[in-house]
């Protein structure tokens, strides 16, 4: 039996949850699919976000998803020089944050479908007019007929790949350990130390209970993180599994790939918008992406609501989406 919806959101990360939440609040029939059986795991990022990013989204974070409030960033150079940048924000328990925003979307009227993987998209037309996509995949909600698909599948960019919309992005690797008893004054420390990350940087992101994420992002080998830890005050600190990983699992780092080519050439098409990493949105300064995923998803949901109200889901009708993100986002 075919399932029909106004908006199908692919991926229940921060971008997907935000897209589903804002589209559902706009009164659209929304389906949110996630290929994992649990939202938010594994965690792929450093887990921090600014006050400004949250305020811009009209969201009020519950205490349960906040690990620590922080005062800003301290950039540390090899000669010991330090530059402090004050910008208040939060370090999240990212897996709980993603679960919370998906729950908010469901409360607003979206339906959530775990263990669902999109495998194909087929154009639907009536008398030559594009009206949506027929989507097939793994999961009992398929096939799904959606007027608009929002791709929030991360760096994989599933829909973009299926429709051959963009070139494959250049990516860099990020990896981190969760460590115990890390001294902190509630600033994020970013180390611009090329001897460990020639084309990247390292970080210490403090969390509650003396925990911290100590990590690295680089174009080169991630083994530089182990050398950095061995050569610094982190050497004697205990490495633990993060709270979303079972205690009996082998202790190891976690992370993922980060797109660094800049925004994709095409971030929309007939019945399709790309958000977050799927669109290539990362900060040009420190490659963070959660705030851009959340905001681009909000723009996509607004554009979807306007297009469906006008009964036109073609690329031309969705063209306000790139105009919105280009006006708002930092220069690339």
Protein backbone atom coordinates (compact mmCIF):
# COMPACT_ATOMS: atom_id res chain seq x y z
CA UNK A 1 0.00 0.00 0.00
CA UNK A 2 1.36 3.40 -1.00
CA UNK A 3 1.88 6.05 1.68
CA UNK A 4 1.34 9.67 0.67
CA UNK A 5 2.69 12.84 2.25
CA UNK A 6 3.41 16.47 1.51
CA UNK A 7 7.03 16.29 2.67
CA UNK A 8 9.35 13.32 3.07
CA UNK A 9 12.43 14.13 5.17
CA UNK A 10 15.34 11.74 4.66
CA UNK A 11 17.54 11.48 7.75
CA UNK A 12 16.71 12.28 11.39
CA UNK A 13 19.84 14.20 12.35
CA UNK A 14 19.61 17.86 13.41
CA UNK A 15 18.75 19.03 9.90
CA UNK A 16 16.13 16.36 9.36
CA UNK A 17 14.55 16.86 12.76
CA UNK A 18 14.42 20.62 12.23
CA UNK A 19 12.93 20.25 8.74
CA UNK A 20 10.26 17.86 9.98
CA UNK A 21 9.45 20.05 12.99
CA UNK A 22 9.05 23.29 11.04
CA UNK A 23 7.17 21.64 8.16
CA UNK A 24 4.76 19.97 10.59
CA UNK A 25 4.25 23.26 12.43
CA UNK A 26 3.30 24.76 9.05
CA UNK A 27 0.47 22.24 8.81
CA UNK A 28 2.05 19.91 6.25
CA UNK A 29 1.76 16.13 6.30
CA UNK A 30 5.33 15.12 7.09
CA UNK A 31 7.14 11.78 7.17
CA UNK A 32 10.60 11.58 8.74
CA UNK A 33 12.63 8.49 7.88
CA UNK A 34 15.89 7.32 9.45
CA UNK A 35 17.88 4.29 8.35
CA UNK A 36 19.21 3.54 11.85
CA UNK A 37 17.03 1.89 14.48
CA UNK A 38 17.90 4.64 16.96
CA UNK A 39 18.21 8.38 16.41
CA UNK A 40 21.42 10.17 17.30
CA UNK A 41 23.92 7.31 17.29
CA UNK A 42 26.70 7.20 16.49
CA UNK A 43 27.60 10.86 17.20
CA UNK A 44 29.63 12.42 14.38
CA UNK A 45 30.57 15.86 15.74
CA UNK A 46 31.98 17.82 18.67
CA UNK A 47 28.46 18.52 20.02
CA UNK A 48 28.55 22.30 20.51
CA UNK A 49 26.22 25.06 19.32
CA UNK A 50 25.94 28.79 20.04
CA UNK A 51 23.22 30.72 21.87
CA UNK A 52 22.63 32.71 18.68
CA UNK A 53 21.99 29.59 16.61
CA UNK A 54 19.37 28.35 19.06
CA UNK A 55 17.71 31.77 19.39
CA UNK A 56 17.47 32.12 15.61
CA UNK A 57 15.47 28.91 15.47
CA UNK A 58 12.96 29.90 18.14
CA UNK A 59 13.85 26.77 20.09
CA UNK A 60 14.05 26.39 23.85
CA UNK A 61 16.47 23.62 24.77
CA UNK A 62 15.43 21.31 27.60
CA UNK A 63 18.02 20.86 30.33
CA UNK A 64 18.17 17.14 29.56
CA UNK A 65 20.04 17.70 26.27
CA UNK A 66 22.53 20.26 27.64
CA UNK A 67 25.83 18.92 28.92
CA UNK A 68 27.52 22.26 29.70
CA UNK A 69 27.10 25.98 29.12
CA UNK A 70 30.26 27.53 27.70
CA UNK A 71 31.56 31.08 27.36
CA UNK A 72 33.26 30.92 23.98
CA UNK A 73 36.32 29.72 22.09
CA UNK A 74 40.02 29.97 22.91
CA UNK A 75 42.32 29.52 19.90
CA UNK A 76 45.78 28.29 20.91
CA UNK A 77 48.82 28.60 18.61
CA UNK A 78 52.08 26.58 18.69
CA UNK A 79 54.05 29.42 20.33
CA UNK A 80 51.61 29.49 23.25
CA UNK A 81 49.72 32.57 22.04
CA UNK A 82 46.03 32.41 22.92
CA UNK A 83 43.13 34.32 21.37
CA UNK A 84 39.84 34.29 23.23
CA UNK A 85 36.57 34.70 21.31
CA UNK A 86 33.53 35.23 23.53
CA UNK A 87 30.36 33.62 22.21
CA UNK A 88 28.12 31.95 24.73
CA UNK A 89 26.66 28.61 23.84
CA UNK A 90 26.10 25.01 24.77
CA UNK A 91 27.84 21.70 24.61
CA UNK A 92 25.10 19.17 23.98
CA UNK A 93 24.57 15.52 24.59
CA UNK A 94 24.09 15.36 20.85
CA UNK A 95 22.30 12.02 20.71
CA UNK A 96 19.72 13.31 23.21
CA UNK A 97 19.37 16.59 21.29
CA UNK A 98 18.63 14.78 18.03
CA UNK A 99 16.11 12.50 19.76
CA UNK A 100 14.46 15.52 21.37
CA UNK A 101 14.05 17.48 18.14
CA UNK A 102 12.59 14.40 16.42
CA UNK A 103 10.16 13.99 19.32
CA UNK A 104 9.19 17.66 18.93
CA UNK A 105 8.51 17.03 15.24
CA UNK A 106 6.28 14.07 16.10
CA UNK A 107 4.43 16.17 18.68
CA UNK A 108 3.83 18.75 15.95
CA UNK A 109 2.25 16.09 13.72
CA UNK A 110 5.08 14.43 11.78
CA UNK A 111 5.37 10.65 11.66
CA UNK A 112 8.72 9.01 12.42
CA UNK A 113 9.86 5.82 10.72
CA UNK A 114 13.05 4.19 12.01
CA UNK A 115 14.90 1.47 10.10
CA UNK A 116 13.79 2.99 6.78
CA UNK A 117 16.30 3.43 3.97
CA UNK A 118 15.54 5.27 0.73
CA UNK A 119 16.72 3.33 -2.33
CA UNK A 120 15.15 5.03 -5.34
CA UNK A 121 13.20 8.10 -6.44
CA UNK A 122 10.98 8.32 -9.51
CA UNK A 123 9.44 11.49 -10.91
CA UNK A 124 5.65 11.69 -10.93
CA UNK A 125 3.90 13.80 -13.55
CA UNK A 126 0.33 14.50 -14.62
CA UNK A 127 -0.12 15.82 -18.16
CA UNK A 128 3.56 16.73 -18.25
CA UNK A 129 3.46 18.65 -14.96
CA UNK A 130 5.78 17.51 -12.17
CA UNK A 131 3.80 16.65 -9.01
CA UNK A 132 6.27 14.83 -6.77
CA UNK A 133 8.45 11.76 -6.26
CA UNK A 134 7.59 8.11 -5.82
CA UNK A 135 10.12 6.75 -3.36
CA UNK A 136 11.02 3.09 -2.84
CA UNK A 137 13.17 1.63 -0.12
CA UNK A 138 13.59 -0.65 2.88
CA UNK A 139 10.86 -0.32 5.51
CA UNK A 140 7.15 -0.98 5.75
CA UNK A 141 6.12 2.64 4.99
CA UNK A 142 7.41 2.30 1.43
CA UNK A 143 6.45 3.00 -1.29
CA UNK A 144 6.01 6.67 -0.43
CA UNK A 145 4.61 9.33 -2.72
CA UNK A 146 5.89 12.73 -1.60
CA UNK A 147 5.25 16.09 -3.16
CA UNK A 148 8.58 17.35 -1.80
CA UNK A 149 11.62 15.47 -0.50
CA UNK A 150 14.06 17.17 1.88
CA UNK A 151 17.44 15.44 1.85
CA UNK A 152 18.98 15.60 5.32
CA UNK A 153 21.03 12.43 4.88
CA UNK A 154 24.34 14.03 5.80
CA UNK A 155 27.52 13.96 3.78
CA UNK A 156 26.23 10.88 1.91
CA UNK A 157 23.75 13.13 0.09
CA UNK A 158 21.54 10.20 -0.87
CA UNK A 159 19.00 12.07 -3.01
CA UNK A 160 21.60 14.22 -4.72
CA UNK A 161 23.51 11.05 -5.61
CA UNK A 162 20.40 9.26 -6.91
CA UNK A 163 19.46 12.16 -9.17
CA UNK A 164 23.08 12.89 -10.18
CA UNK A 165 22.53 16.47 -9.03
CA UNK A 166 26.04 17.35 -7.82
CA UNK A 167 29.64 16.23 -7.91
CA UNK A 168 30.95 14.27 -4.98
CA UNK A 169 32.20 16.72 -2.31
CA UNK A 170 35.70 16.85 -0.93
CA UNK A 171 35.68 15.69 2.70
CA UNK A 172 38.00 15.67 5.69
CA UNK A 173 37.99 13.30 8.63
CA UNK A 174 37.10 14.19 12.20
CA UNK A 175 37.69 11.92 15.18
CA UNK A 176 37.57 12.41 18.94
CA UNK A 177 37.78 10.62 22.27
CA UNK A 178 35.67 11.24 25.33
CA UNK A 179 38.01 11.72 28.30
CA UNK A 180 37.63 12.09 32.08
CA UNK A 181 38.89 14.68 34.58
CA UNK A 182 39.80 17.26 31.95
CA UNK A 183 40.61 20.69 33.50
CA UNK A 184 38.43 23.44 32.03
CA UNK A 185 37.29 27.03 32.57
CA UNK A 186 34.23 26.53 30.35
CA UNK A 187 35.87 27.63 27.10
CA UNK A 188 36.28 25.46 24.02
CA UNK A 189 39.98 25.12 23.18
CA UNK A 190 40.92 24.97 19.49
CA UNK A 191 44.58 24.17 18.78
CA UNK A 192 46.04 25.37 15.48
CA UNK A 193 49.03 23.04 15.74
CA UNK A 194 50.09 21.86 12.26
CA UNK A 195 52.59 19.35 13.62
CA UNK A 196 49.59 17.18 14.55
CA UNK A 197 46.96 18.39 12.05
CA UNK A 198 48.75 19.93 9.08
CA UNK A 199 45.55 20.93 7.31
CA UNK A 200 43.16 21.17 10.23
CA UNK A 201 43.03 21.70 13.97
CA UNK A 202 42.49 19.95 17.28
CA UNK A 203 40.00 20.66 20.04
CA UNK A 204 39.02 20.17 23.64
CA UNK A 205 35.28 20.57 24.18
CA UNK A 206 34.31 20.42 27.88
CA UNK A 207 31.24 18.53 29.05
CA UNK A 208 29.59 17.85 32.40
CA UNK A 209 31.08 15.70 35.18
CA UNK A 210 34.67 16.50 34.18
CA UNK A 211 34.27 14.89 30.77
CA UNK A 212 35.50 16.41 27.51
CA UNK A 213 35.69 15.58 23.83
CA UNK A 214 39.32 15.76 22.67
CA UNK A 215 39.56 15.53 18.92
CA UNK A 216 41.04 16.43 15.58
CA UNK A 217 39.87 17.32 12.09
CA UNK A 218 42.36 17.09 9.25
CA UNK A 219 42.90 16.21 5.62
CA UNK A 220 45.77 13.97 6.70
CA UNK A 221 46.02 10.94 8.95
CA UNK A 222 43.91 11.04 12.09
CA UNK A 223 46.69 9.27 14.04
CA UNK A 224 47.93 12.78 14.81
CA UNK A 225 45.31 12.85 17.59
CA UNK A 226 47.05 10.05 19.49
CA UNK A 227 50.40 11.87 19.18
CA UNK A 228 48.82 15.12 20.38
CA UNK A 229 47.37 13.42 23.45
CA UNK A 230 50.66 11.67 24.21
CA UNK A 231 52.58 14.96 24.03
CA UNK A 232 50.24 17.12 26.14
CA UNK A 233 48.53 17.32 29.52
CA UNK A 234 45.90 14.89 28.24
CA UNK A 235 48.36 11.96 28.26
CA UNK A 236 47.46 10.61 31.70
CA UNK A 237 43.70 11.09 31.45
CA UNK A 238 41.28 8.20 31.11
CA UNK A 239 39.53 7.58 27.80
CA UNK A 240 35.96 6.32 28.17
CA UNK A 241 33.10 5.33 25.92
CA UNK A 242 30.53 8.09 25.33
CA UNK A 243 27.15 7.67 27.06
CA UNK A 244 25.40 6.54 23.87
CA UNK A 245 27.74 3.55 23.47
CA UNK A 246 27.35 0.41 25.60
CA UNK A 247 29.88 0.19 28.44
CA UNK A 248 30.88 -3.32 27.43
CA UNK A 249 31.94 -2.17 23.96
CA UNK A 250 35.61 -1.64 23.19
CA UNK A 251 36.70 1.91 24.07
CA UNK A 252 37.50 3.79 20.89
CA UNK A 253 37.14 7.16 19.22
CA UNK A 254 34.16 8.38 17.24
CA UNK A 255 33.58 10.88 14.47
CA UNK A 256 32.82 11.15 10.79
CA UNK A 257 33.44 12.88 7.48
CA UNK A 258 32.94 16.62 6.97
CA UNK A 259 32.31 18.21 3.54
CA UNK A 260 34.69 21.09 2.80
CA UNK A 261 33.97 21.91 -0.86
CA UNK A 262 31.45 24.57 0.13
CA UNK A 263 27.75 24.55 -0.75
CA UNK A 264 26.81 22.27 -3.62
CA UNK A 265 26.16 23.91 -6.97
CA UNK A 266 22.56 22.68 -6.86
CA UNK A 267 20.74 22.68 -3.51
CA UNK A 268 17.27 22.25 -5.00
CA UNK A 269 15.52 20.64 -7.96
CA UNK A 270 11.99 19.62 -8.86
CA UNK A 271 10.43 18.49 -5.58
CA UNK A 272 13.76 18.36 -3.76
CA UNK A 273 15.79 20.50 -1.33
CA UNK A 274 19.13 19.62 0.27
CA UNK A 275 19.92 20.74 3.83
CA UNK A 276 22.90 20.57 6.17
CA UNK A 277 25.85 18.39 5.18
CA UNK A 278 23.80 16.98 2.28
CA UNK A 279 23.97 20.48 0.78
CA UNK A 280 27.64 20.99 1.71
CA UNK A 281 26.86 23.51 4.45
CA UNK A 282 29.69 23.78 6.97
CA UNK A 283 31.25 26.78 8.69
CA UNK A 284 34.25 28.11 6.72
CA UNK A 285 36.12 28.75 9.99
CA UNK A 286 35.94 25.57 12.04
CA UNK A 287 33.89 23.21 9.83
CA UNK A 288 30.98 23.07 12.27
CA UNK A 289 27.67 22.28 10.66
CA UNK A 290 24.85 21.78 13.17
CA UNK A 291 23.69 25.41 13.20
CA UNK A 292 23.66 25.55 9.39
CA UNK A 293 21.77 22.25 9.24
CA UNK A 294 19.13 23.53 11.65
CA UNK A 295 18.72 26.85 9.83
CA UNK A 296 18.76 25.51 6.27
CA UNK A 297 16.12 23.00 7.33
CA UNK A 298 13.96 25.84 8.59
CA UNK A 299 14.32 27.61 5.23
CA UNK A 300 13.46 24.39 3.38
CA UNK A 301 10.34 23.84 5.48
CA UNK A 302 9.16 27.41 4.88
CA UNK A 303 9.75 27.07 1.15
CA UNK A 304 7.94 23.73 1.08
CA UNK A 305 4.90 25.22 2.80
CA UNK A 306 4.77 28.08 0.30
CA UNK A 307 5.15 25.77 -2.70
CA UNK A 308 2.48 23.33 -1.57
CA UNK A 309 0.08 26.19 -0.81
CA UNK A 310 0.62 27.38 -4.39
CA UNK A 311 0.21 23.81 -5.74
CA UNK A 312 3.56 24.05 -7.52
CA UNK A 313 6.53 21.96 -6.39
CA UNK A 314 8.78 22.48 -9.39
CA UNK A 315 12.35 23.73 -9.07
CA UNK A 316 11.18 27.21 -10.01
CA UNK A 317 8.67 27.22 -7.15
CA UNK A 318 11.39 26.07 -4.75
CA UNK A 319 13.91 28.69 -5.92
CA UNK A 320 13.31 30.90 -2.84
CA UNK A 321 15.20 28.24 -0.87
CA UNK A 322 18.70 28.95 -2.26
CA UNK A 323 17.94 32.67 -2.18
CA UNK A 324 17.19 32.40 1.54
CA UNK A 325 20.28 30.48 2.54
CA UNK A 326 22.58 32.59 0.36
CA UNK A 327 21.32 35.75 2.07
CA UNK A 328 21.70 34.33 5.58
CA UNK A 329 24.77 32.12 5.58
CA UNK A 330 28.40 33.23 5.93
CA UNK A 331 30.49 33.87 2.82
CA UNK A 332 32.22 30.84 1.34
